[in-house]
């Protein structure tokens, strides 16, 4: 779900909570408390959804290429190449 769709859905849900509180004749304080509670629950759910999606994602081909490049550098060092050694050009 994209962020703009999430924001529109969240605002719609909060508008329903405000209408529900108004119809019941609750005080403004109760209405604000309900809206804030609803907003926190929705935000927490969205955060957890995105977190699970990222945690379950499979590495892309670009990540695989970068990982292969790192492995090649490690193989060269294992073959006896010394880092930091200076060689004379004379």
PDB file of N, CA and C in Angstrom:
ATOM      1  N   UNK A   1       0.853  -1.172   0.000  1.00  0.00           N
ATOM      2  CA  UNK A   1       0.000   0.000   0.000  1.00  0.00           C
ATOM      3  C   UNK A   1       0.898   1.233   0.000  1.00  0.00           C
ATOM      4  N   UNK A   2       0.559   2.162  -0.843  1.00  0.00           N
ATOM      5  CA  UNK A   2       1.346   3.384  -0.922  1.00  0.00           C
ATOM      6  C   UNK A   2       0.953   4.336   0.213  1.00  0.00           C
ATOM      7  N   UNK A   3       1.848   5.252   0.507  1.00  0.00           N
ATOM      8  CA  UNK A   3       1.608   6.193   1.600  1.00  0.00           C
ATOM      9  C   UNK A   3       0.382   7.081   1.355  1.00  0.00           C
ATOM     10  N   UNK A   4       0.191   7.639   0.148  1.00  0.00           N
ATOM     11  CA  UNK A   4      -1.012   8.467  -0.041  1.00  0.00           C
ATOM     12  C   UNK A   4      -2.319   7.692   0.189  1.00  0.00           C
ATOM     13  N   UNK A   5      -2.366   6.445  -0.264  1.00  0.00           N
ATOM     14  CA  UNK A   5      -3.571   5.634  -0.028  1.00  0.00           C
ATOM     15  C   UNK A   5      -3.772   5.397   1.462  1.00  0.00           C
ATOM     16  N   UNK A   6      -2.678   5.155   2.166  1.00  0.00           N
ATOM     17  CA  UNK A   6      -2.762   4.934   3.609  1.00  0.00           C
ATOM     18  C   UNK A   6      -3.295   6.178   4.304  1.00  0.00           C
ATOM     19  N   UNK A   7      -2.789   7.346   3.939  1.00  0.00           N
ATOM     20  CA  UNK A   7      -3.210   8.594   4.587  1.00  0.00           C
ATOM     21  C   UNK A   7      -4.691   8.855   4.337  1.00  0.00           C
ATOM     22  N   UNK A   8      -5.141   8.638   3.099  1.00  0.00           N
ATOM     23  CA  UNK A   8      -6.561   8.852   2.783  1.00  0.00           C
ATOM     24  C   UNK A   8      -7.421   7.880   3.589  1.00  0.00           C
ATOM     25  N   UNK A   9      -7.011   6.623   3.653  1.00  0.00           N
ATOM     26  CA  UNK A   9      -7.764   5.637   4.422  1.00  0.00           C
ATOM     27  C   UNK A   9      -7.795   5.962   5.901  1.00  0.00           C
ATOM     28  N   UNK A  10      -6.654   6.430   6.409  1.00  0.00           N
ATOM     29  CA  UNK A  10      -6.588   6.786   7.827  1.00  0.00           C
ATOM     30  C   UNK A  10      -7.504   7.978   8.133  1.00  0.00           C
ATOM     31  N   UNK A  11      -7.471   8.990   7.286  1.00  0.00           N
ATOM     32  CA  UNK A  11      -8.344  10.146   7.499  1.00  0.00           C
ATOM     33  C   UNK A  11      -9.818   9.752   7.425  1.00  0.00           C
ATOM     34  N   UNK A  12     -10.148   8.832   6.520  1.00  0.00           N
ATOM     35  CA  UNK A  12     -11.526   8.365   6.405  1.00  0.00           C
ATOM     36  C   UNK A  12     -11.942   7.633   7.678  1.00  0.00           C
ATOM     37  N   UNK A  13     -11.067   6.777   8.188  1.00  0.00           N
ATOM     38  CA  UNK A  13     -11.368   6.048   9.424  1.00  0.00           C
ATOM     39  C   UNK A  13     -11.523   7.007  10.602  1.00  0.00           C
ATOM     40  N   UNK A  14     -10.668   8.013  10.670  1.00  0.00           N
ATOM     41  CA  UNK A  14     -10.775   8.980  11.766  1.00  0.00           C
ATOM     42  C   UNK A  14     -12.047   9.820  11.649  1.00  0.00           C
ATOM     43  N   UNK A  15     -12.462  10.118  10.417  1.00  0.00           N
ATOM     44  CA  UNK A  15     -13.714  10.850  10.223  1.00  0.00           C
ATOM     45  C   UNK A  15     -14.905  10.019  10.705  1.00  0.00           C
ATOM     46  N   UNK A  16     -14.842   8.713  10.502  1.00  0.00           N
ATOM     47  CA  UNK A  16     -15.907   7.837  10.993  1.00  0.00           C
ATOM     48  C   UNK A  16     -15.944   7.844  12.520  1.00  0.00           C
ATOM     49  N   UNK A  17     -14.769   7.841  13.145  1.00  0.00           N
ATOM     50  CA  UNK A  17     -14.706   7.886  14.612  1.00  0.00           C
ATOM     51  C   UNK A  17     -15.290   9.198  15.124  1.00  0.00           C
ATOM     52  N   UNK A  18     -14.975  10.297  14.461  1.00  0.00           N
ATOM     53  CA  UNK A  18     -15.526  11.606  14.871  1.00  0.00           C
ATOM     54  C   UNK A  18     -17.042  11.608  14.711  1.00  0.00           C
ATOM     55  N   UNK A  19     -17.553  11.091  13.586  1.00  0.00           N
ATOM     56  CA  UNK A  19     -19.002  11.048  13.366  1.00  0.00           C
ATOM     57  C   UNK A  19     -19.678  10.159  14.400  1.00  0.00           C
ATOM     58  N   UNK A  20     -19.062   9.028  14.698  1.00  0.00           N
ATOM     59  CA  UNK A  20     -19.613   8.106  15.704  1.00  0.00           C
ATOM     60  C   UNK A  20     -19.706   8.803  17.070  1.00  0.00           C
ATOM     61  N   UNK A  21     -18.653   9.500  17.451  1.00  0.00           N
ATOM     62  CA  UNK A  21     -18.672  10.206  18.732  1.00  0.00           C
ATOM     63  C   UNK A  21     -19.716  11.322  18.746  1.00  0.00           C
ATOM     64  N   UNK A  22     -19.861  12.013  17.615  1.00  0.00           N
ATOM     65  CA  UNK A  22     -20.840  13.096  17.521  1.00  0.00           C
ATOM     66  C   UNK A  22     -22.264  12.552  17.634  1.00  0.00           C
ATOM     67  N   UNK A  23     -22.523  11.434  16.958  1.00  0.00           N
ATOM     68  CA  UNK A  23     -23.861  10.839  16.993  1.00  0.00           C
ATOM     69  C   UNK A  23     -24.205  10.364  18.400  1.00  0.00           C
ATOM     70  N   UNK A  24     -23.204   9.821  19.115  1.00  0.00           N
ATOM     71  CA  UNK A  24     -23.450   9.370  20.486  1.00  0.00           C
ATOM     72  C   UNK A  24     -23.575  10.527  21.467  1.00  0.00           C
ATOM     73  N   UNK A  25     -23.179  11.724  21.048  1.00  0.00           N
ATOM     74  CA  UNK A  25     -23.285  12.893  21.915  1.00  0.00           C
ATOM     75  C   UNK A  25     -22.186  12.979  22.953  1.00  0.00           C
ATOM     76  N   UNK A  26     -21.027  12.428  22.637  1.00  0.00           N
ATOM     77  CA  UNK A  26     -19.907  12.467  23.570  1.00  0.00           C
ATOM     78  C   UNK A  26     -19.284  13.852  23.624  1.00  0.00           C
ATOM     79  N   UNK A  27     -18.537  14.074  24.703  1.00  0.00           N
ATOM     80  CA  UNK A  27     -17.871  15.356  24.886  1.00  0.00           C
ATOM     81  C   UNK A  27     -16.696  15.482  23.909  1.00  0.00           C
ATOM     82  N   UNK A  28     -16.255  16.714  23.662  1.00  0.00           N
ATOM     83  CA  UNK A  28     -15.096  16.900  22.774  1.00  0.00           C
ATOM     84  C   UNK A  28     -13.843  16.186  23.281  1.00  0.00           C
ATOM     85  N   UNK A  29     -13.673  16.121  24.598  1.00  0.00           N
ATOM     86  CA  UNK A  29     -12.521  15.432  25.166  1.00  0.00           C
ATOM     87  C   UNK A  29     -12.533  13.944  24.837  1.00  0.00           C
ATOM     88  N   UNK A  30     -13.696  13.311  24.954  1.00  0.00           N
ATOM     89  CA  UNK A  30     -13.840  11.898  24.617  1.00  0.00           C
ATOM     90  C   UNK A  30     -13.603  11.674  23.129  1.00  0.00           C
ATOM     91  N   UNK A  31     -14.097  12.583  22.326  1.00  0.00           N
ATOM     92  CA  UNK A  31     -13.901  12.473  20.874  1.00  0.00           C
ATOM     93  C   UNK A  31     -12.425  12.545  20.526  1.00  0.00           C
ATOM     94  N   UNK A  32     -11.724  13.504  21.116  1.00  0.00           N
ATOM     95  CA  UNK A  32     -10.291  13.639  20.846  1.00  0.00           C
ATOM     96  C   UNK A  32      -9.539  12.388  21.316  1.00  0.00           C
ATOM     97  N   UNK A  33      -9.895  11.874  22.480  1.00  0.00           N
ATOM     98  CA  UNK A  33      -9.256  10.667  22.994  1.00  0.00           C
ATOM     99  C   UNK A  33      -9.475   9.486  22.053  1.00  0.00           C
ATOM    100  N   UNK A  34     -10.683   9.327  21.555  1.00  0.00           N
ATOM    101  CA  UNK A  34     -10.966   8.237  20.613  1.00  0.00           C
ATOM    102  C   UNK A  34     -10.189   8.401  19.310  1.00  0.00           C
ATOM    103  N   UNK A  35     -10.120   9.615  18.801  1.00  0.00           N
ATOM    104  CA  UNK A  35      -9.409   9.863  17.539  1.00  0.00           C
ATOM    105  C   UNK A  35      -7.916   9.590  17.705  1.00  0.00           C
ATOM    106  N   UNK A  36      -7.333  10.064  18.796  1.00  0.00           N
ATOM    107  CA  UNK A  36      -5.904   9.843  19.025  1.00  0.00           C
ATOM    108  C   UNK A  36      -5.616   8.349  19.191  1.00  0.00           C
ATOM    109  N   UNK A  37      -6.445   7.654  19.945  1.00  0.00           N
ATOM    110  CA  UNK A  37      -6.261   6.210  20.137  1.00  0.00           C
ATOM    111  C   UNK A  37      -6.362   5.470  18.812  1.00  0.00           C
ATOM    112  N   UNK A  38      -7.358   5.811  18.024  1.00  0.00           N
ATOM    113  CA  UNK A  38      -7.531   5.178  16.719  1.00  0.00           C
ATOM    114  C   UNK A  38      -6.336   5.467  15.806  1.00  0.00           C
ATOM    115  N   UNK A  39      -5.847   6.693  15.809  1.00  0.00           N
ATOM    116  CA  UNK A  39      -4.709   7.065  14.961  1.00  0.00           C
ATOM    117  C   UNK A  39      -3.452   6.301  15.363  1.00  0.00           C
ATOM    118  N   UNK A  40      -3.230   6.148  16.665  1.00  0.00           N
ATOM    119  CA  UNK A  40      -2.049   5.420  17.140  1.00  0.00           C
ATOM    120  C   UNK A  40      -2.136   3.948  16.732  1.00  0.00           C
ATOM    121  N   UNK A  41      -3.296   3.342  16.873  1.00  0.00           N
ATOM    122  CA  UNK A  41      -3.464   1.939  16.488  1.00  0.00           C
ATOM    123  C   UNK A  41      -3.247   1.758  14.991  1.00  0.00           C
ATOM    124  N   UNK A  42      -3.778   2.655  14.181  1.00  0.00           N
ATOM    125  CA  UNK A  42      -3.606   2.558  12.729  1.00  0.00           C
ATOM    126  C   UNK A  42      -2.134   2.739  12.355  1.00  0.00           C
ATOM    127  N   UNK A  43      -1.464   3.702  12.951  1.00  0.00           N
ATOM    128  CA  UNK A  43      -0.044   3.938  12.656  1.00  0.00           C
ATOM    129  C   UNK A  43       0.800   2.734  13.056  1.00  0.00           C
ATOM    130  N   UNK A  44       0.534   2.169  14.205  1.00  0.00           N
ATOM    131  CA  UNK A  44       1.272   1.000  14.669  1.00  0.00           C
ATOM    132  C   UNK A  44       1.062  -0.178  13.708  1.00  0.00           C
ATOM    133  N   UNK A  45      -0.159  -0.381  13.285  1.00  0.00           N
ATOM    134  CA  UNK A  45      -0.445  -1.452  12.329  1.00  0.00           C
ATOM    135  C   UNK A  45       0.265  -1.243  11.009  1.00  0.00           C
ATOM    136  N   UNK A  46       0.283  -0.014  10.518  1.00  0.00           N
ATOM    137  CA  UNK A  46       0.966   0.280   9.252  1.00  0.00           C
ATOM    138  C   UNK A  46       2.466   0.064   9.394  1.00  0.00           C
ATOM    139  N   UNK A  47       3.044   0.504  10.508  1.00  0.00           N
ATOM    140  CA  UNK A  47       4.479   0.311  10.740  1.00  0.00           C
ATOM    141  C   UNK A  47       4.818  -1.174  10.768  1.00  0.00           C
ATOM    142  N   UNK A  48       4.030  -1.960  11.493  1.00  0.00           N
ATOM    143  CA  UNK A  48       4.295  -3.396  11.565  1.00  0.00           C
ATOM    144  C   UNK A  48       4.139  -4.065  10.205  1.00  0.00           C
ATOM    145  N   UNK A  49       3.155  -3.639   9.428  1.00  0.00           N
ATOM    146  CA  UNK A  49       2.965  -4.190   8.088  1.00  0.00           C
ATOM    147  C   UNK A  49       4.180  -3.922   7.206  1.00  0.00           C
ATOM    148  N   UNK A  50       4.662  -2.697   7.199  1.00  0.00           N
ATOM    149  CA  UNK A  50       5.833  -2.347   6.387  1.00  0.00           C
ATOM    150  C   UNK A  50       7.067  -3.086   6.895  1.00  0.00           C
ATOM    151  N   UNK A  51       7.221  -3.194   8.208  1.00  0.00           N
ATOM    152  CA  UNK A  51       8.365  -3.897   8.782  1.00  0.00           C
ATOM    153  C   UNK A  51       8.378  -5.362   8.351  1.00  0.00           C
ATOM    154  N   UNK A  52       7.234  -6.020   8.393  1.00  0.00           N
ATOM    155  CA  UNK A  52       7.151  -7.425   7.976  1.00  0.00           C
ATOM    156  C   UNK A  52       7.436  -7.558   6.486  1.00  0.00           C
ATOM    157  N   UNK A  53       6.928  -6.637   5.699  1.00  0.00           N
ATOM    158  CA  UNK A  53       7.178  -6.693   4.253  1.00  0.00           C
ATOM    159  C   UNK A  53       8.667  -6.552   3.946  1.00  0.00           C
ATOM    160  N   UNK A  54       9.357  -5.669   4.630  1.00  0.00           N
ATOM    161  CA  UNK A  54      10.795  -5.472   4.413  1.00  0.00           C
ATOM    162  C   UNK A  54      11.576  -6.685   4.919  1.00  0.00           C
ATOM    163  N   UNK A  55      11.185  -7.212   6.059  1.00  0.00           N
ATOM    164  CA  UNK A  55      11.898  -8.360   6.632  1.00  0.00           C
ATOM    165  C   UNK A  55      11.758  -9.598   5.754  1.00  0.00           C
ATOM    166  N   UNK A  56      10.626  -9.757   5.100  1.00  0.00           N
ATOM    167  CA  UNK A  56      10.388 -10.935   4.260  1.00  0.00           C
ATOM    168  C   UNK A  56      10.870 -10.763   2.825  1.00  0.00           C
ATOM    169  N   UNK A  57      11.297  -9.575   2.456  1.00  0.00           N
ATOM    170  CA  UNK A  57      11.653  -9.327   1.061  1.00  0.00           C
ATOM    171  C   UNK A  57      12.895 -10.122   0.670  1.00  0.00           C
ATOM    172  N   UNK A  58      12.905 -10.577  -0.566  1.00  0.00           N
ATOM    173  CA  UNK A  58      14.028 -11.320  -1.124  1.00  0.00           C
ATOM    174  C   UNK A  58      15.009 -10.305  -1.702  1.00  0.00           C
ATOM    175  N   UNK A  59      16.322 -10.528  -1.524  1.00  0.00           N
ATOM    176  CA  UNK A  59      17.287  -9.577  -2.081  1.00  0.00           C
ATOM    177  C   UNK A  59      17.109  -9.433  -3.595  1.00  0.00           C
ATOM    178  N   UNK A  60      17.246  -8.216  -4.073  1.00  0.00           N
ATOM    179  CA  UNK A  60      17.115  -7.965  -5.504  1.00  0.00           C
ATOM    180  C   UNK A  60      18.394  -8.345  -6.214  1.00  0.00           C
ATOM    181  N   UNK A  61      18.356  -8.311  -7.531  1.00  0.00           N
ATOM    182  CA  UNK A  61      19.535  -8.681  -8.305  1.00  0.00           C
ATOM    183  C   UNK A  61      20.696  -7.724  -8.035  1.00  0.00           C
ATOM    184  N   UNK A  62      20.411  -6.451  -7.766  1.00  0.00           N
ATOM    185  CA  UNK A  62      21.477  -5.496  -7.467  1.00  0.00           C
ATOM    186  C   UNK A  62      22.171  -5.868  -6.156  1.00  0.00           C
ATOM    187  N   UNK A  63      21.400  -6.325  -5.174  1.00  0.00           N
ATOM    188  CA  UNK A  63      21.998  -6.763  -3.917  1.00  0.00           C
ATOM    189  C   UNK A  63      22.880  -7.988  -4.129  1.00  0.00           C
ATOM    190  N   UNK A  64      22.445  -8.886  -4.998  1.00  0.00           N
ATOM    191  CA  UNK A  64      23.227 -10.086  -5.283  1.00  0.00           C
ATOM    192  C   UNK A  64      24.536  -9.725  -5.969  1.00  0.00           C
ATOM    193  N   UNK A  65      24.505  -8.754  -6.887  1.00  0.00           N
ATOM    194  CA  UNK A  65      25.720  -8.331  -7.586  1.00  0.00           C
ATOM    195  C   UNK A  65      26.700  -7.704  -6.602  1.00  0.00           C
ATOM    196  N   UNK A  66      26.197  -6.846  -5.716  1.00  0.00           N
ATOM    197  CA  UNK A  66      27.071  -6.242  -4.708  1.00  0.00           C
ATOM    198  C   UNK A  66      27.687  -7.301  -3.801  1.00  0.00           C
ATOM    199  N   UNK A  67      26.895  -8.279  -3.427  1.00  0.00           N
ATOM    200  CA  UNK A  67      27.396  -9.348  -2.576  1.00  0.00           C
ATOM    201  C   UNK A  67      28.454 -10.171  -3.290  1.00  0.00           C
ATOM    202  N   UNK A  68      28.278 -10.415  -4.588  1.00  0.00           N
ATOM    203  CA  UNK A  68      29.264 -11.162  -5.353  1.00  0.00           C
ATOM    204  C   UNK A  68      30.556 -10.356  -5.469  1.00  0.00           C
ATOM    205  N   UNK A  69      30.457  -9.055  -5.624  1.00  0.00           N
ATOM    206  CA  UNK A  69      31.642  -8.204  -5.694  1.00  0.00           C
ATOM    207  C   UNK A  69      32.428  -8.231  -4.398  1.00  0.00           C
ATOM    208  N   UNK A  70      31.737  -8.264  -3.292  1.00  0.00           N
ATOM    209  CA  UNK A  70      32.418  -8.336  -1.991  1.00  0.00           C
ATOM    210  C   UNK A  70      33.140  -9.671  -1.836  1.00  0.00           C
ATOM    211  N   UNK A  71      32.536 -10.731  -2.330  1.00  0.00           N
ATOM    212  CA  UNK A  71      33.165 -12.049  -2.223  1.00  0.00           C
ATOM    213  C   UNK A  71      34.426 -12.118  -3.075  1.00  0.00           C
ATOM    214  N   UNK A  72      34.428 -11.465  -4.232  1.00  0.00           N
ATOM    215  CA  UNK A  72      35.618 -11.472  -5.086  1.00  0.00           C
ATOM    216  C   UNK A  72      36.774 -10.748  -4.406  1.00  0.00           C
ATOM    217  N   UNK A  73      36.490  -9.640  -3.749  1.00  0.00           N
ATOM    218  CA  UNK A  73      37.538  -8.898  -3.049  1.00  0.00           C
ATOM    219  C   UNK A  73      38.118  -9.744  -1.914  1.00  0.00           C
ATOM    220  N   UNK A  74      37.290 -10.477  -1.234  1.00  0.00           N
ATOM    221  CA  UNK A  74      37.754 -11.318  -0.140  1.00  0.00           C
ATOM    222  C   UNK A  74      38.622 -12.456  -0.674  1.00  0.00           C
ATOM    223  N   UNK A  75      38.298 -12.995  -1.860  1.00  0.00           N
ATOM    224  CA  UNK A  75      39.095 -14.075  -2.451  1.00  0.00           C
ATOM    225  C   UNK A  75      40.480 -13.587  -2.823  1.00  0.00           C
ATOM    226  N   UNK A  76      40.591 -12.373  -3.342  1.00  0.00           N
ATOM    227  CA  UNK A  76      41.899 -11.837  -3.711  1.00  0.00           C
ATOM    228  C   UNK A  76      42.794 -11.691  -2.492  1.00  0.00           C
ATOM    229  N   UNK A  77      42.226 -11.232  -1.388  1.00  0.00           N
ATOM    230  CA  UNK A  77      43.019 -11.080  -0.175  1.00  0.00           C
ATOM    231  C   UNK A  77      43.467 -12.444   0.339  1.00  0.00           C
ATOM    232  N   UNK A  78      42.649 -13.447   0.151  1.00  0.00           N
ATOM    233  CA  UNK A  78      43.001 -14.782   0.627  1.00  0.00           C
ATOM    234  C   UNK A  78      44.115 -15.396  -0.210  1.00  0.00           C
ATOM    235  N   UNK A  79      44.322 -14.942  -1.441  1.00  0.00           N
ATOM    236  CA  UNK A  79      45.363 -15.496  -2.299  1.00  0.00           C
ATOM    237  C   UNK A  79      46.747 -14.993  -1.933  1.00  0.00           C
ATOM    238  N   UNK A  80      46.898 -14.159  -0.954  1.00  0.00           N
ATOM    239  CA  UNK A  80      48.203 -13.710  -0.505  1.00  0.00           C
ATOM    240  C   UNK A  80      48.507 -12.264  -0.823  1.00  0.00           C
ATOM    241  N   UNK A  81      47.549 -11.534  -1.323  1.00  0.00           N
ATOM    242  CA  UNK A  81      47.777 -10.117  -1.614  1.00  0.00           C
ATOM    243  C   UNK A  81      47.857  -9.358  -0.306  1.00  0.00           C
ATOM    244  N   UNK A  82      48.896  -8.552  -0.147  1.00  0.00           N
ATOM    245  CA  UNK A  82      49.066  -7.794   1.093  1.00  0.00           C
ATOM    246  C   UNK A  82      48.539  -6.381   0.894  1.00  0.00           C
ATOM    247  N   UNK A  83      47.770  -5.945   1.834  1.00  0.00           N
ATOM    248  CA  UNK A  83      47.243  -4.595   1.789  1.00  0.00           C
ATOM    249  C   UNK A  83      48.219  -3.649   2.488  1.00  0.00           C
ATOM    250  N   UNK A  84      48.415  -2.495   1.904  1.00  0.00           N
ATOM    251  CA  UNK A  84      49.256  -1.484   2.533  1.00  0.00           C
ATOM    252  C   UNK A  84      50.734  -1.608   2.190  1.00  0.00           C
ATOM    253  N   UNK A  85      51.125  -2.628   1.474  1.00  0.00           N
ATOM    254  CA  UNK A  85      52.537  -2.785   1.129  1.00  0.00           C
ATOM    255  C   UNK A  85      52.858  -1.863  -0.038  1.00  0.00           C
ATOM    256  N   UNK A  86      53.976  -1.151   0.073  1.00  0.00           N
ATOM    257  CA  UNK A  86      54.380  -0.243  -0.999  1.00  0.00           C
ATOM    258  C   UNK A  86      55.433  -0.915  -1.859  1.00  0.00           C
ATOM    259  N   UNK A  87      55.293  -0.752  -3.129  1.00  0.00           N
ATOM    260  CA  UNK A  87      56.262  -1.330  -4.047  1.00  0.00           C
ATOM    261  C   UNK A  87      56.957  -0.219  -4.793  1.00  0.00           C
ATOM    262  N   UNK A  88      58.208  -0.355  -4.968  1.00  0.00           N
ATOM    263  CA  UNK A  88      58.983   0.662  -5.675  1.00  0.00           C
ATOM    264  C   UNK A  88      58.769   0.520  -7.172  1.00  0.00           C
ATOM    265  N   UNK A  89      58.723   1.652  -7.850  1.00  0.00           N
ATOM    266  CA  UNK A  89      58.576   1.626  -9.310  1.00  0.00           C
ATOM    267  C   UNK A  89      59.933   1.681 -10.017  1.00  0.00           C
ATOM    268  N   UNK A  90      61.046   1.660  -9.297  1.00  0.00           N
ATOM    269  CA  UNK A  90      62.385   1.752  -9.895  1.00  0.00           C
ATOM    270  C   UNK A  90      62.908   0.428 -10.308  1.00  0.00           C
TER     271      UNK A  90
END
